[in-house]
N, C-alpha and C. Protein backbone atom coordinates (compact mmCIF):
# COMPACT_ATOMS: atom_id res chain seq x y z
N MET A 1 0.84 -1.19 -0.01
CA MET A 1 0.01 0.00 0.02
C MET A 1 0.86 1.26 -0.02
N LYS A 2 1.96 1.21 0.82
CA LYS A 2 2.82 2.39 0.91
C LYS A 2 3.50 2.64 -0.43
N SER A 3 3.93 1.59 -1.14
CA SER A 3 4.57 1.80 -2.45
C SER A 3 3.62 2.39 -3.48
N ILE A 4 2.33 1.99 -3.38
CA ILE A 4 1.30 2.52 -4.27
C ILE A 4 1.12 4.03 -4.06
N GLN A 5 1.10 4.40 -2.75
CA GLN A 5 0.92 5.82 -2.41
C GLN A 5 2.15 6.61 -2.85
N GLU A 6 3.36 6.03 -2.72
CA GLU A 6 4.56 6.72 -3.11
C GLU A 6 4.55 6.89 -4.63
N LEU A 7 4.13 5.90 -5.40
CA LEU A 7 4.09 5.97 -6.85
C LEU A 7 3.06 7.03 -7.28
N SER A 8 1.92 7.07 -6.55
CA SER A 8 0.93 8.09 -6.86
C SER A 8 1.46 9.47 -6.70
N GLN A 9 2.29 9.69 -5.65
CA GLN A 9 2.87 11.01 -5.41
C GLN A 9 3.85 11.38 -6.52
N ILE A 10 4.53 10.42 -7.15
CA ILE A 10 5.44 10.68 -8.22
C ILE A 10 4.67 11.09 -9.47
N ILE A 11 3.57 10.32 -9.75
CA ILE A 11 2.79 10.60 -10.97
C ILE A 11 1.90 11.81 -10.80
N PHE A 12 1.24 11.88 -9.61
CA PHE A 12 0.33 12.99 -9.31
C PHE A 12 0.78 13.68 -8.03
N PRO A 13 1.86 14.41 -8.02
CA PRO A 13 2.36 15.04 -6.77
C PRO A 13 1.37 16.05 -6.19
N THR A 14 1.36 16.13 -4.85
CA THR A 14 0.52 17.12 -4.15
C THR A 14 1.07 18.48 -4.49
N ARG A 15 0.13 19.38 -4.81
CA ARG A 15 0.50 20.77 -5.09
C ARG A 15 -0.32 21.73 -4.21
N CYS A 16 0.26 22.85 -3.91
CA CYS A 16 -0.41 23.86 -3.09
C CYS A 16 -1.59 24.42 -3.84
N PHE A 17 -2.74 24.57 -3.12
CA PHE A 17 -3.93 25.15 -3.73
C PHE A 17 -3.65 26.55 -4.22
N GLY A 18 -2.84 27.29 -3.49
CA GLY A 18 -2.62 28.69 -3.79
C GLY A 18 -1.67 29.02 -4.89
N CYS A 19 -0.42 28.42 -4.79
CA CYS A 19 0.62 28.73 -5.71
C CYS A 19 0.98 27.63 -6.66
N ASN A 20 0.40 26.43 -6.47
CA ASN A 20 0.62 25.27 -7.32
C ASN A 20 2.03 24.66 -7.16
N SER A 21 2.77 25.07 -6.17
CA SER A 21 4.08 24.47 -5.97
C SER A 21 3.91 23.07 -5.37
N ILE A 22 4.85 22.17 -5.81
CA ILE A 22 4.82 20.78 -5.31
C ILE A 22 5.23 20.73 -3.86
N GLY A 23 4.53 19.93 -3.08
CA GLY A 23 4.83 19.77 -1.68
C GLY A 23 3.63 19.36 -0.88
N ILE A 24 2.94 20.32 -0.29
CA ILE A 24 1.80 20.08 0.49
C ILE A 24 0.59 20.86 -0.03
N SER A 25 -0.59 20.51 0.44
CA SER A 25 -1.80 21.08 -0.15
C SER A 25 -1.91 22.60 0.06
N ILE A 26 -1.30 23.15 1.07
CA ILE A 26 -1.21 24.59 1.16
C ILE A 26 0.13 24.92 1.84
N CYS A 27 0.97 25.65 1.16
CA CYS A 27 2.33 25.95 1.67
C CYS A 27 2.26 27.02 2.72
N SER A 28 3.35 27.26 3.43
CA SER A 28 3.36 28.22 4.53
C SER A 28 3.08 29.60 4.07
N GLN A 29 3.58 29.96 2.87
CA GLN A 29 3.34 31.32 2.34
C GLN A 29 1.86 31.56 2.06
N CYS A 30 1.23 30.59 1.36
CA CYS A 30 -0.19 30.72 1.08
C CYS A 30 -1.04 30.61 2.32
N ARG A 31 -0.59 29.80 3.27
CA ARG A 31 -1.34 29.64 4.50
C ARG A 31 -1.40 31.01 5.25
N SER A 32 -0.31 31.82 5.13
CA SER A 32 -0.30 33.13 5.81
C SER A 32 -1.38 34.03 5.17
N GLU A 33 -1.80 33.80 3.92
CA GLU A 33 -2.83 34.60 3.26
C GLU A 33 -4.23 33.95 3.52
N TRP A 34 -4.23 32.74 4.05
CA TRP A 34 -5.48 32.11 4.40
C TRP A 34 -5.41 31.77 5.90
N HIS A 35 -5.43 32.83 6.66
CA HIS A 35 -5.40 32.61 8.11
C HIS A 35 -6.64 33.31 8.65
N PRO A 36 -7.65 32.49 9.04
CA PRO A 36 -8.99 33.11 9.48
C PRO A 36 -8.83 34.13 10.58
N HIS A 37 -9.41 35.26 10.35
CA HIS A 37 -9.55 36.30 11.37
C HIS A 37 -11.05 36.50 11.56
N TYR A 38 -11.46 37.76 11.77
CA TYR A 38 -12.88 38.04 11.86
C TYR A 38 -13.13 39.49 11.36
N TYR A 39 -13.90 39.53 10.27
CA TYR A 39 -14.18 40.84 9.66
C TYR A 39 -15.70 40.98 9.56
N GLN A 40 -16.15 42.20 9.80
CA GLN A 40 -17.60 42.47 9.74
C GLN A 40 -17.90 43.66 8.83
N THR A 41 -18.73 43.46 7.86
CA THR A 41 -19.23 44.50 6.98
C THR A 41 -20.72 44.57 7.08
N HIS A 42 -21.31 45.60 6.45
CA HIS A 42 -22.75 45.81 6.52
C HIS A 42 -23.29 45.92 5.09
N VAL A 43 -24.13 44.93 4.72
CA VAL A 43 -24.65 44.85 3.35
C VAL A 43 -26.12 44.51 3.38
N GLY A 44 -26.88 45.20 2.53
CA GLY A 44 -28.28 44.81 2.34
C GLY A 44 -29.07 44.86 3.67
N GLY A 45 -28.67 45.75 4.58
CA GLY A 45 -29.38 45.87 5.85
C GLY A 45 -29.05 44.88 6.89
N ILE A 46 -28.03 44.02 6.66
CA ILE A 46 -27.57 43.09 7.64
C ILE A 46 -26.02 43.08 7.79
N ASN A 47 -25.57 42.49 8.84
CA ASN A 47 -24.09 42.37 9.06
C ASN A 47 -23.63 41.10 8.33
N VAL A 48 -22.46 41.21 7.66
CA VAL A 48 -21.85 40.10 7.01
C VAL A 48 -20.53 39.83 7.76
N HIS A 49 -20.38 38.60 8.21
CA HIS A 49 -19.25 38.18 9.05
C HIS A 49 -18.37 37.26 8.21
N SER A 50 -17.09 37.59 8.10
CA SER A 50 -16.17 36.85 7.22
C SER A 50 -14.88 36.53 7.92
N ALA A 51 -14.17 35.55 7.31
CA ALA A 51 -12.96 35.06 7.96
C ALA A 51 -11.63 35.47 7.27
N VAL A 52 -11.66 35.65 5.97
CA VAL A 52 -10.42 35.86 5.21
C VAL A 52 -10.61 36.96 4.21
N LEU A 53 -9.61 37.87 4.06
CA LEU A 53 -9.64 38.84 3.02
C LEU A 53 -9.41 38.24 1.68
N TYR A 54 -10.23 38.60 0.71
CA TYR A 54 -10.12 38.05 -0.61
C TYR A 54 -8.78 38.43 -1.26
N SER A 55 -8.10 37.48 -1.86
CA SER A 55 -6.77 37.65 -2.43
C SER A 55 -6.60 36.70 -3.58
N PRO A 56 -5.53 36.83 -4.35
CA PRO A 56 -5.28 35.82 -5.39
C PRO A 56 -5.20 34.41 -4.81
N THR A 57 -4.62 34.28 -3.62
CA THR A 57 -4.51 32.97 -2.99
C THR A 57 -5.87 32.42 -2.59
N SER A 58 -6.69 33.25 -1.92
CA SER A 58 -8.02 32.76 -1.52
C SER A 58 -8.87 32.48 -2.75
N SER A 59 -8.70 33.27 -3.80
CA SER A 59 -9.48 32.97 -5.03
C SER A 59 -9.15 31.62 -5.58
N LYS A 60 -7.88 31.26 -5.58
CA LYS A 60 -7.48 29.92 -6.07
C LYS A 60 -8.00 28.79 -5.18
N ILE A 61 -7.98 29.06 -3.87
CA ILE A 61 -8.53 28.02 -2.97
C ILE A 61 -10.03 27.82 -3.22
N ILE A 62 -10.74 28.90 -3.38
CA ILE A 62 -12.18 28.79 -3.62
C ILE A 62 -12.46 28.08 -4.92
N LEU A 63 -11.69 28.47 -5.97
CA LEU A 63 -11.86 27.83 -7.29
C LEU A 63 -11.53 26.30 -7.22
N SER A 64 -10.51 25.97 -6.42
CA SER A 64 -10.13 24.57 -6.25
C SER A 64 -11.27 23.76 -5.67
N ALA A 65 -12.00 24.38 -4.72
CA ALA A 65 -13.12 23.72 -4.13
C ALA A 65 -14.35 23.73 -5.04
N LYS A 66 -14.68 24.92 -5.51
CA LYS A 66 -15.92 25.16 -6.26
C LYS A 66 -15.89 24.41 -7.64
N GLU A 67 -14.83 24.63 -8.35
CA GLU A 67 -14.77 24.13 -9.75
C GLU A 67 -14.12 22.80 -9.90
N ASN A 68 -13.22 22.42 -9.01
CA ASN A 68 -12.50 21.16 -9.15
C ASN A 68 -12.90 20.14 -8.07
N GLY A 69 -13.69 20.55 -7.08
CA GLY A 69 -14.15 19.61 -6.05
C GLY A 69 -13.08 19.03 -5.18
N ILE A 70 -12.00 19.81 -4.96
CA ILE A 70 -10.87 19.26 -4.18
C ILE A 70 -11.25 19.34 -2.69
N LYS A 71 -11.27 18.18 -2.04
CA LYS A 71 -11.76 18.07 -0.68
C LYS A 71 -10.94 18.88 0.30
N GLY A 72 -9.60 18.94 0.07
CA GLY A 72 -8.76 19.76 0.99
C GLY A 72 -9.12 21.21 0.93
N ALA A 73 -9.45 21.75 -0.21
CA ALA A 73 -9.90 23.12 -0.32
C ALA A 73 -11.27 23.32 0.29
N ASP A 74 -12.15 22.32 0.13
CA ASP A 74 -13.41 22.39 0.87
C ASP A 74 -13.20 22.53 2.37
N ALA A 75 -12.23 21.74 2.89
CA ALA A 75 -11.95 21.75 4.34
C ALA A 75 -11.51 23.14 4.80
N LEU A 76 -10.70 23.86 4.02
CA LEU A 76 -10.28 25.15 4.39
C LEU A 76 -11.45 26.10 4.45
N ILE A 77 -12.37 26.06 3.50
CA ILE A 77 -13.53 26.91 3.46
C ILE A 77 -14.46 26.59 4.69
N ILE A 78 -14.66 25.30 4.93
CA ILE A 78 -15.50 24.82 5.99
C ILE A 78 -14.94 25.35 7.37
N SER A 79 -13.62 25.23 7.58
CA SER A 79 -13.02 25.64 8.83
C SER A 79 -13.09 27.15 8.99
N ALA A 80 -13.02 27.91 7.88
CA ALA A 80 -13.09 29.35 7.92
C ALA A 80 -14.49 29.78 8.36
N ILE A 81 -15.50 29.14 7.80
CA ILE A 81 -16.89 29.50 8.16
C ILE A 81 -17.15 29.10 9.64
N ILE A 82 -16.71 27.96 10.06
CA ILE A 82 -16.89 27.56 11.44
C ILE A 82 -16.19 28.54 12.39
N HIS A 83 -14.98 28.99 11.98
CA HIS A 83 -14.27 30.00 12.82
C HIS A 83 -15.12 31.25 13.01
N VAL A 84 -15.75 31.71 11.93
CA VAL A 84 -16.58 32.92 12.05
C VAL A 84 -17.80 32.68 12.88
N LEU A 85 -18.42 31.52 12.76
CA LEU A 85 -19.58 31.15 13.60
C LEU A 85 -19.22 31.16 15.04
N ASN A 86 -17.98 30.74 15.36
CA ASN A 86 -17.50 30.75 16.79
C ASN A 86 -17.23 32.16 17.25
N GLN A 87 -16.67 33.01 16.35
CA GLN A 87 -16.28 34.33 16.72
C GLN A 87 -17.49 35.31 16.76
N GLY A 88 -18.53 34.99 16.05
CA GLY A 88 -19.65 35.92 15.88
C GLY A 88 -20.60 35.99 17.03
N ASN A 89 -20.44 35.12 18.03
CA ASN A 89 -21.27 35.21 19.29
C ASN A 89 -22.75 35.08 18.92
N PHE A 90 -23.11 34.02 18.21
CA PHE A 90 -24.53 33.79 17.82
C PHE A 90 -25.21 32.87 18.78
N SER A 91 -24.57 32.50 19.88
CA SER A 91 -25.10 31.43 20.75
C SER A 91 -26.48 31.76 21.36
N TRP A 92 -26.80 33.02 21.49
CA TRP A 92 -28.06 33.42 22.10
C TRP A 92 -29.22 33.42 21.06
N HIS A 93 -28.91 33.15 19.83
CA HIS A 93 -29.91 33.05 18.78
C HIS A 93 -30.28 31.61 18.52
N ASN A 94 -31.45 31.44 17.92
CA ASN A 94 -31.89 30.15 17.52
C ASN A 94 -31.49 29.96 16.02
N ILE A 95 -30.24 29.69 15.80
CA ILE A 95 -29.61 29.79 14.49
C ILE A 95 -30.06 28.66 13.53
N ARG A 96 -30.27 29.03 12.27
CA ARG A 96 -30.38 28.12 11.16
C ARG A 96 -29.49 28.60 10.05
N LEU A 97 -28.78 27.67 9.39
CA LEU A 97 -27.88 28.03 8.30
C LEU A 97 -28.64 27.91 7.00
N VAL A 98 -28.55 28.96 6.15
CA VAL A 98 -29.26 28.97 4.88
C VAL A 98 -28.19 29.14 3.74
N PRO A 99 -27.93 28.12 2.98
CA PRO A 99 -26.97 28.24 1.86
C PRO A 99 -27.50 28.99 0.74
N VAL A 100 -26.66 29.84 0.13
CA VAL A 100 -27.01 30.50 -1.12
C VAL A 100 -26.96 29.45 -2.23
N PRO A 101 -28.07 29.23 -2.97
CA PRO A 101 -28.11 28.10 -3.92
C PRO A 101 -27.28 28.37 -5.18
N SER A 102 -26.84 27.30 -5.81
CA SER A 102 -26.21 27.37 -7.16
C SER A 102 -27.25 27.26 -8.23
N SER A 103 -26.91 27.78 -9.37
CA SER A 103 -27.84 27.68 -10.53
C SER A 103 -27.83 26.21 -10.99
N THR A 104 -28.87 25.88 -11.80
CA THR A 104 -28.98 24.55 -12.33
C THR A 104 -27.77 24.20 -13.18
N ASN A 105 -27.32 25.14 -13.98
CA ASN A 105 -26.16 24.85 -14.89
C ASN A 105 -24.92 24.58 -14.07
N ASN A 106 -24.69 25.39 -13.00
CA ASN A 106 -23.50 25.19 -12.15
C ASN A 106 -23.55 23.87 -11.38
N ARG A 107 -24.77 23.48 -10.94
CA ARG A 107 -24.89 22.24 -10.23
C ARG A 107 -24.58 21.06 -11.21
N ARG A 108 -25.05 21.19 -12.39
CA ARG A 108 -24.83 20.11 -13.40
C ARG A 108 -23.37 20.03 -13.78
N ARG A 109 -22.75 21.19 -13.95
CA ARG A 109 -21.33 21.21 -14.39
C ARG A 109 -20.40 20.76 -13.27
N ARG A 110 -20.69 21.14 -12.05
CA ARG A 110 -19.81 20.76 -10.92
C ARG A 110 -20.16 19.41 -10.29
N GLY A 111 -21.33 18.95 -10.58
CA GLY A 111 -21.75 17.67 -9.99
C GLY A 111 -22.27 17.78 -8.59
N ARG A 112 -22.53 19.01 -8.12
CA ARG A 112 -23.00 19.25 -6.80
C ARG A 112 -23.42 20.72 -6.62
N ASP A 113 -24.21 21.02 -5.61
CA ASP A 113 -24.50 22.38 -5.23
C ASP A 113 -23.42 22.74 -4.23
N PHE A 114 -22.48 23.56 -4.62
CA PHE A 114 -21.25 23.82 -3.87
C PHE A 114 -21.49 24.26 -2.42
N ILE A 115 -22.22 25.40 -2.24
CA ILE A 115 -22.42 25.93 -0.90
C ILE A 115 -23.34 25.02 -0.06
N GLN A 116 -24.27 24.34 -0.74
CA GLN A 116 -25.09 23.34 -0.02
C GLN A 116 -24.21 22.28 0.60
N SER A 117 -23.29 21.76 -0.16
CA SER A 117 -22.43 20.66 0.39
C SER A 117 -21.49 21.23 1.45
N ILE A 118 -21.00 22.44 1.30
CA ILE A 118 -20.22 23.06 2.33
C ILE A 118 -21.02 23.20 3.62
N CYS A 119 -22.26 23.70 3.50
CA CYS A 119 -23.13 23.93 4.64
C CYS A 119 -23.50 22.62 5.36
N LYS A 120 -23.68 21.57 4.62
CA LYS A 120 -23.98 20.24 5.23
C LYS A 120 -22.86 19.87 6.20
N GLU A 121 -21.63 20.03 5.73
CA GLU A 121 -20.48 19.68 6.60
C GLU A 121 -20.38 20.61 7.79
N VAL A 122 -20.60 21.92 7.57
CA VAL A 122 -20.60 22.85 8.69
C VAL A 122 -21.63 22.53 9.70
N SER A 123 -22.84 22.15 9.22
CA SER A 123 -23.94 21.78 10.09
C SER A 123 -23.61 20.55 10.92
N GLN A 124 -22.99 19.57 10.25
CA GLN A 124 -22.61 18.34 10.93
C GLN A 124 -21.61 18.60 12.05
N GLN A 125 -20.63 19.48 11.76
CA GLN A 125 -19.54 19.72 12.71
C GLN A 125 -19.97 20.64 13.85
N THR A 126 -20.97 21.51 13.63
CA THR A 126 -21.37 22.49 14.63
C THR A 126 -22.68 22.13 15.30
N GLN A 127 -23.42 21.19 14.69
CA GLN A 127 -24.79 20.83 15.18
C GLN A 127 -25.78 21.96 15.01
N ILE A 128 -25.47 22.91 14.14
CA ILE A 128 -26.41 24.02 13.83
C ILE A 128 -27.28 23.52 12.65
N PRO A 129 -28.59 23.57 12.80
CA PRO A 129 -29.50 23.07 11.78
C PRO A 129 -29.32 23.78 10.44
N LEU A 130 -29.57 23.00 9.38
CA LEU A 130 -29.47 23.52 8.01
C LEU A 130 -30.90 23.71 7.47
N SER A 131 -31.12 24.89 6.84
CA SER A 131 -32.42 25.17 6.25
C SER A 131 -32.21 25.59 4.79
N SER A 132 -32.31 24.62 3.89
CA SER A 132 -32.11 24.88 2.47
C SER A 132 -33.41 25.32 1.84
N ILE A 133 -33.76 26.57 2.15
CA ILE A 133 -35.11 27.10 1.75
C ILE A 133 -35.01 28.07 0.60
N LEU A 134 -33.87 28.54 0.19
CA LEU A 134 -33.74 29.44 -0.94
C LEU A 134 -33.71 28.66 -2.24
N THR A 135 -34.27 29.23 -3.29
CA THR A 135 -34.20 28.65 -4.61
C THR A 135 -34.05 29.77 -5.63
N ILE A 136 -33.48 29.44 -6.77
CA ILE A 136 -33.30 30.44 -7.87
C ILE A 136 -34.55 30.34 -8.72
N VAL A 137 -35.11 31.54 -8.99
CA VAL A 137 -36.37 31.58 -9.67
C VAL A 137 -36.30 32.26 -11.05
N LYS A 138 -35.09 32.72 -11.43
CA LYS A 138 -34.86 33.29 -12.74
C LYS A 138 -33.41 32.97 -13.16
N LYS A 139 -33.18 33.02 -14.50
CA LYS A 139 -31.84 32.71 -15.00
C LYS A 139 -30.95 33.93 -14.68
N VAL A 140 -29.77 33.62 -14.10
CA VAL A 140 -28.78 34.63 -13.77
C VAL A 140 -27.47 34.30 -14.49
N GLU A 141 -26.74 35.36 -14.75
CA GLU A 141 -25.42 35.22 -15.43
C GLU A 141 -24.38 34.98 -14.36
N ASP A 142 -23.21 34.46 -14.82
CA ASP A 142 -22.08 34.35 -13.90
C ASP A 142 -21.64 35.74 -13.49
N GLN A 143 -21.45 35.93 -12.19
CA GLN A 143 -21.19 37.26 -11.61
C GLN A 143 -19.76 37.78 -11.82
N SER A 144 -18.86 36.87 -12.10
CA SER A 144 -17.39 37.25 -12.03
C SER A 144 -17.03 38.38 -13.01
N GLY A 145 -17.64 38.45 -14.16
CA GLY A 145 -17.24 39.45 -15.14
C GLY A 145 -18.14 40.71 -15.15
N LEU A 146 -19.04 40.80 -14.16
CA LEU A 146 -20.01 41.90 -14.17
C LEU A 146 -19.54 43.06 -13.28
N THR A 147 -19.95 44.27 -13.63
CA THR A 147 -19.72 45.45 -12.79
C THR A 147 -20.69 45.34 -11.60
N ALA A 148 -20.40 46.22 -10.58
CA ALA A 148 -21.28 46.25 -9.39
C ALA A 148 -22.69 46.56 -9.80
N LYS A 149 -22.90 47.49 -10.68
CA LYS A 149 -24.26 47.87 -11.14
C LYS A 149 -24.93 46.70 -11.83
N ASP A 150 -24.17 46.01 -12.71
CA ASP A 150 -24.73 44.86 -13.44
C ASP A 150 -25.02 43.70 -12.53
N ARG A 151 -24.27 43.54 -11.47
CA ARG A 151 -24.55 42.48 -10.51
C ARG A 151 -25.85 42.69 -9.82
N VAL A 152 -26.15 43.91 -9.47
CA VAL A 152 -27.45 44.23 -8.81
C VAL A 152 -28.57 43.88 -9.74
N SER A 153 -28.49 44.31 -11.03
CA SER A 153 -29.49 44.01 -12.04
C SER A 153 -29.60 42.51 -12.27
N ASN A 154 -28.49 41.82 -12.34
CA ASN A 154 -28.47 40.38 -12.56
C ASN A 154 -29.17 39.62 -11.47
N MET A 155 -28.98 40.06 -10.21
CA MET A 155 -29.53 39.32 -9.07
C MET A 155 -30.95 39.77 -8.68
N ASN A 156 -31.38 40.89 -9.19
CA ASN A 156 -32.67 41.41 -8.82
C ASN A 156 -33.80 40.42 -9.14
N GLY A 157 -34.51 39.96 -8.10
CA GLY A 157 -35.60 39.02 -8.27
C GLY A 157 -35.15 37.59 -8.53
N ALA A 158 -33.87 37.30 -8.29
CA ALA A 158 -33.35 35.98 -8.64
C ALA A 158 -33.75 34.86 -7.66
N PHE A 159 -33.99 35.18 -6.39
CA PHE A 159 -34.26 34.21 -5.38
C PHE A 159 -35.76 34.17 -4.99
N GLY A 160 -36.16 33.01 -4.58
CA GLY A 160 -37.46 32.85 -3.98
C GLY A 160 -37.32 31.85 -2.82
N VAL A 161 -38.42 31.69 -2.09
CA VAL A 161 -38.42 30.71 -0.99
C VAL A 161 -39.19 29.47 -1.44
N LYS A 162 -38.66 28.29 -1.21
CA LYS A 162 -39.29 27.02 -1.59
C LYS A 162 -40.67 26.95 -0.97
N SER A 163 -41.56 26.36 -1.71
CA SER A 163 -42.93 26.17 -1.16
C SER A 163 -42.88 25.24 0.04
N HIS A 164 -43.86 25.45 0.93
CA HIS A 164 -43.99 24.66 2.14
C HIS A 164 -42.87 24.95 3.15
N SER A 165 -42.13 26.07 2.92
CA SER A 165 -41.14 26.49 3.93
C SER A 165 -41.80 27.39 4.93
N HIS A 166 -41.52 27.22 6.24
CA HIS A 166 -42.16 28.01 7.23
C HIS A 166 -41.12 28.79 8.04
N PRO A 167 -41.42 30.02 8.37
CA PRO A 167 -40.46 30.86 9.13
C PRO A 167 -40.12 30.26 10.53
N VAL A 168 -38.92 29.76 10.64
CA VAL A 168 -38.45 29.19 11.89
C VAL A 168 -37.03 29.64 12.15
N GLY A 169 -36.73 30.10 13.33
CA GLY A 169 -35.37 30.39 13.74
C GLY A 169 -34.85 31.71 13.23
N ASP A 170 -33.58 31.99 13.56
CA ASP A 170 -32.84 33.13 13.20
C ASP A 170 -31.89 32.69 12.13
N LEU A 171 -32.06 33.25 10.90
CA LEU A 171 -31.35 32.71 9.74
C LEU A 171 -30.03 33.43 9.49
N LEU A 172 -29.01 32.62 9.18
CA LEU A 172 -27.70 33.12 8.75
C LEU A 172 -27.44 32.59 7.31
N LEU A 173 -27.34 33.54 6.36
CA LEU A 173 -26.99 33.17 5.04
C LEU A 173 -25.53 32.71 4.97
N ILE A 174 -25.22 31.64 4.21
CA ILE A 174 -23.89 31.15 4.04
C ILE A 174 -23.47 31.22 2.58
N ASP A 175 -22.28 31.79 2.32
CA ASP A 175 -21.74 31.87 0.98
C ASP A 175 -20.22 31.83 1.02
N ASP A 176 -19.56 31.69 -0.13
CA ASP A 176 -18.12 31.56 -0.12
C ASP A 176 -17.44 32.91 0.00
N VAL A 177 -17.97 33.93 -0.70
CA VAL A 177 -17.32 35.26 -0.73
C VAL A 177 -18.36 36.32 -0.95
N VAL A 178 -18.18 37.50 -0.34
CA VAL A 178 -19.04 38.64 -0.60
C VAL A 178 -18.16 39.67 -1.25
N THR A 179 -18.67 40.15 -2.40
CA THR A 179 -17.91 41.17 -3.18
C THR A 179 -18.74 42.48 -3.18
N THR A 180 -19.68 42.56 -4.10
CA THR A 180 -20.52 43.81 -4.10
C THR A 180 -21.69 43.75 -3.11
N GLY A 181 -22.04 42.57 -2.69
CA GLY A 181 -23.17 42.40 -1.78
C GLY A 181 -24.51 42.20 -2.51
N ALA A 182 -24.47 42.09 -3.84
CA ALA A 182 -25.73 41.97 -4.59
C ALA A 182 -26.42 40.65 -4.26
N THR A 183 -25.70 39.57 -4.13
CA THR A 183 -26.30 38.28 -3.83
C THR A 183 -26.90 38.27 -2.43
N VAL A 184 -26.19 38.77 -1.47
CA VAL A 184 -26.71 38.87 -0.08
C VAL A 184 -27.93 39.67 0.01
N THR A 185 -27.93 40.84 -0.66
CA THR A 185 -29.09 41.77 -0.61
C THR A 185 -30.32 41.09 -1.19
N GLU A 186 -30.16 40.40 -2.31
CA GLU A 186 -31.32 39.72 -2.95
C GLU A 186 -31.80 38.56 -2.12
N ALA A 187 -30.89 37.80 -1.51
CA ALA A 187 -31.31 36.70 -0.65
C ALA A 187 -32.05 37.17 0.58
N VAL A 188 -31.59 38.26 1.15
CA VAL A 188 -32.29 38.86 2.30
C VAL A 188 -33.65 39.30 1.90
N ARG A 189 -33.79 39.95 0.76
CA ARG A 189 -35.10 40.41 0.26
C ARG A 189 -36.05 39.29 0.15
N ALA A 190 -35.59 38.17 -0.48
CA ALA A 190 -36.51 37.01 -0.70
C ALA A 190 -36.93 36.38 0.58
N LEU A 191 -35.99 36.24 1.53
CA LEU A 191 -36.34 35.60 2.80
C LEU A 191 -37.29 36.45 3.64
N ARG A 192 -36.97 37.74 3.69
CA ARG A 192 -37.84 38.65 4.51
C ARG A 192 -39.25 38.76 3.86
N ALA A 193 -39.32 38.71 2.53
CA ALA A 193 -40.59 38.74 1.85
C ALA A 193 -41.46 37.52 2.25
N GLY A 194 -40.75 36.42 2.57
CA GLY A 194 -41.45 35.20 2.99
C GLY A 194 -41.70 35.13 4.43
N GLY A 195 -41.40 36.21 5.20
CA GLY A 195 -41.66 36.26 6.60
C GLY A 195 -40.58 35.75 7.49
N PHE A 196 -39.38 35.48 6.92
CA PHE A 196 -38.29 34.83 7.68
C PHE A 196 -37.48 35.97 8.38
N HIS A 197 -36.84 35.56 9.46
CA HIS A 197 -35.98 36.50 10.24
C HIS A 197 -34.56 36.22 9.95
N VAL A 198 -33.90 37.15 9.23
CA VAL A 198 -32.53 37.06 8.81
C VAL A 198 -31.68 37.93 9.73
N ILE A 199 -30.73 37.36 10.38
CA ILE A 199 -29.90 38.19 11.33
C ILE A 199 -28.48 38.47 10.76
N GLY A 200 -28.11 37.83 9.63
CA GLY A 200 -26.81 38.13 9.14
C GLY A 200 -26.38 37.13 8.04
N SER A 201 -25.15 37.31 7.61
CA SER A 201 -24.59 36.38 6.64
C SER A 201 -23.17 36.04 7.07
N VAL A 202 -22.75 34.82 6.78
CA VAL A 202 -21.36 34.41 7.09
C VAL A 202 -20.75 33.92 5.78
N THR A 203 -19.54 34.47 5.48
CA THR A 203 -18.81 34.03 4.28
C THR A 203 -17.39 33.66 4.68
N ALA A 204 -16.78 32.82 3.88
CA ALA A 204 -15.40 32.50 4.09
C ALA A 204 -14.47 33.72 3.80
N CYS A 205 -14.81 34.47 2.71
CA CYS A 205 -13.94 35.56 2.27
C CYS A 205 -14.78 36.84 2.11
N VAL A 206 -14.06 37.97 2.16
CA VAL A 206 -14.69 39.25 1.93
C VAL A 206 -13.68 40.11 1.15
N THR A 207 -14.14 40.84 0.10
CA THR A 207 -13.22 41.75 -0.57
C THR A 207 -13.00 42.94 0.29
N GLN A 208 -11.88 43.59 0.18
CA GLN A 208 -11.49 44.73 1.01
C GLN A 208 -10.83 45.79 0.15
N PRO A 209 -11.46 46.93 -0.01
CA PRO A 209 -12.76 47.28 0.56
C PRO A 209 -13.88 46.59 -0.24
N LEU A 210 -15.02 46.51 0.40
CA LEU A 210 -16.19 45.87 -0.26
C LEU A 210 -16.53 46.68 -1.47
N ARG A 211 -16.72 46.00 -2.63
CA ARG A 211 -16.99 46.74 -3.86
C ARG A 211 -18.17 46.10 -4.61
C-alpha cells in the first residue's frame, strides 16, 4: 500500500492550492494569506461576518473547491466558516444556516450544489441546523465578469423561498465570498418577503474594501 501511495505522489504530486508548488496542499506562504480572522461589513441591511480577506490565494482556494471539487480546499472553507460562527457570538440566537443556492447549470457542471455541500458539513460539525429554503427563480449570469451595477441588475428578483417552507429560527446566510453584496441583498429580500427572520450572513472571504 505504501509503495502505491509513493508511486501516486510521483505521478500526481501534491500541489499547493494557492501557488501550485509541489509539496503540501497549502504551503506556509499561502497559509499566511488564508489565516482566518474576523471581519464584519454591513450589506443589504444586515451584518456580514467573514474570515479571510479576498486575495489571489483565496481566489485559487475557492476555485479549487468550487470548480475542481478538491476536498482539501473544501476543508479550508468549512473551517473558515466555522471560525466565524464561533467568533460571531450567535449562541443566544436560534440559528439556522441557509446556503445560497447554485444555478442549475452550475450544479450540473460541478456535480453538486457547492455551498449546499459546504453547509452540510458545517452543520454536521457544529450541530447548527441547516435550512435549504432558498431557490433560484430566474436565469442569472455568472457574476465574475460583471460590474457592481450589473450584478445588482443580474440578481434582482433571482431568489425565492421554496414552497412549504415556514419561518423558523434566526437565519444566517452562508456563501463563499461577498464582493458587491448583490447576492446577499437579494437573498435577504427574498427571505424577508417570505416572513423569515434574517440576522446576518457568514462568508469565508470578503473583498477589502467591499466593492
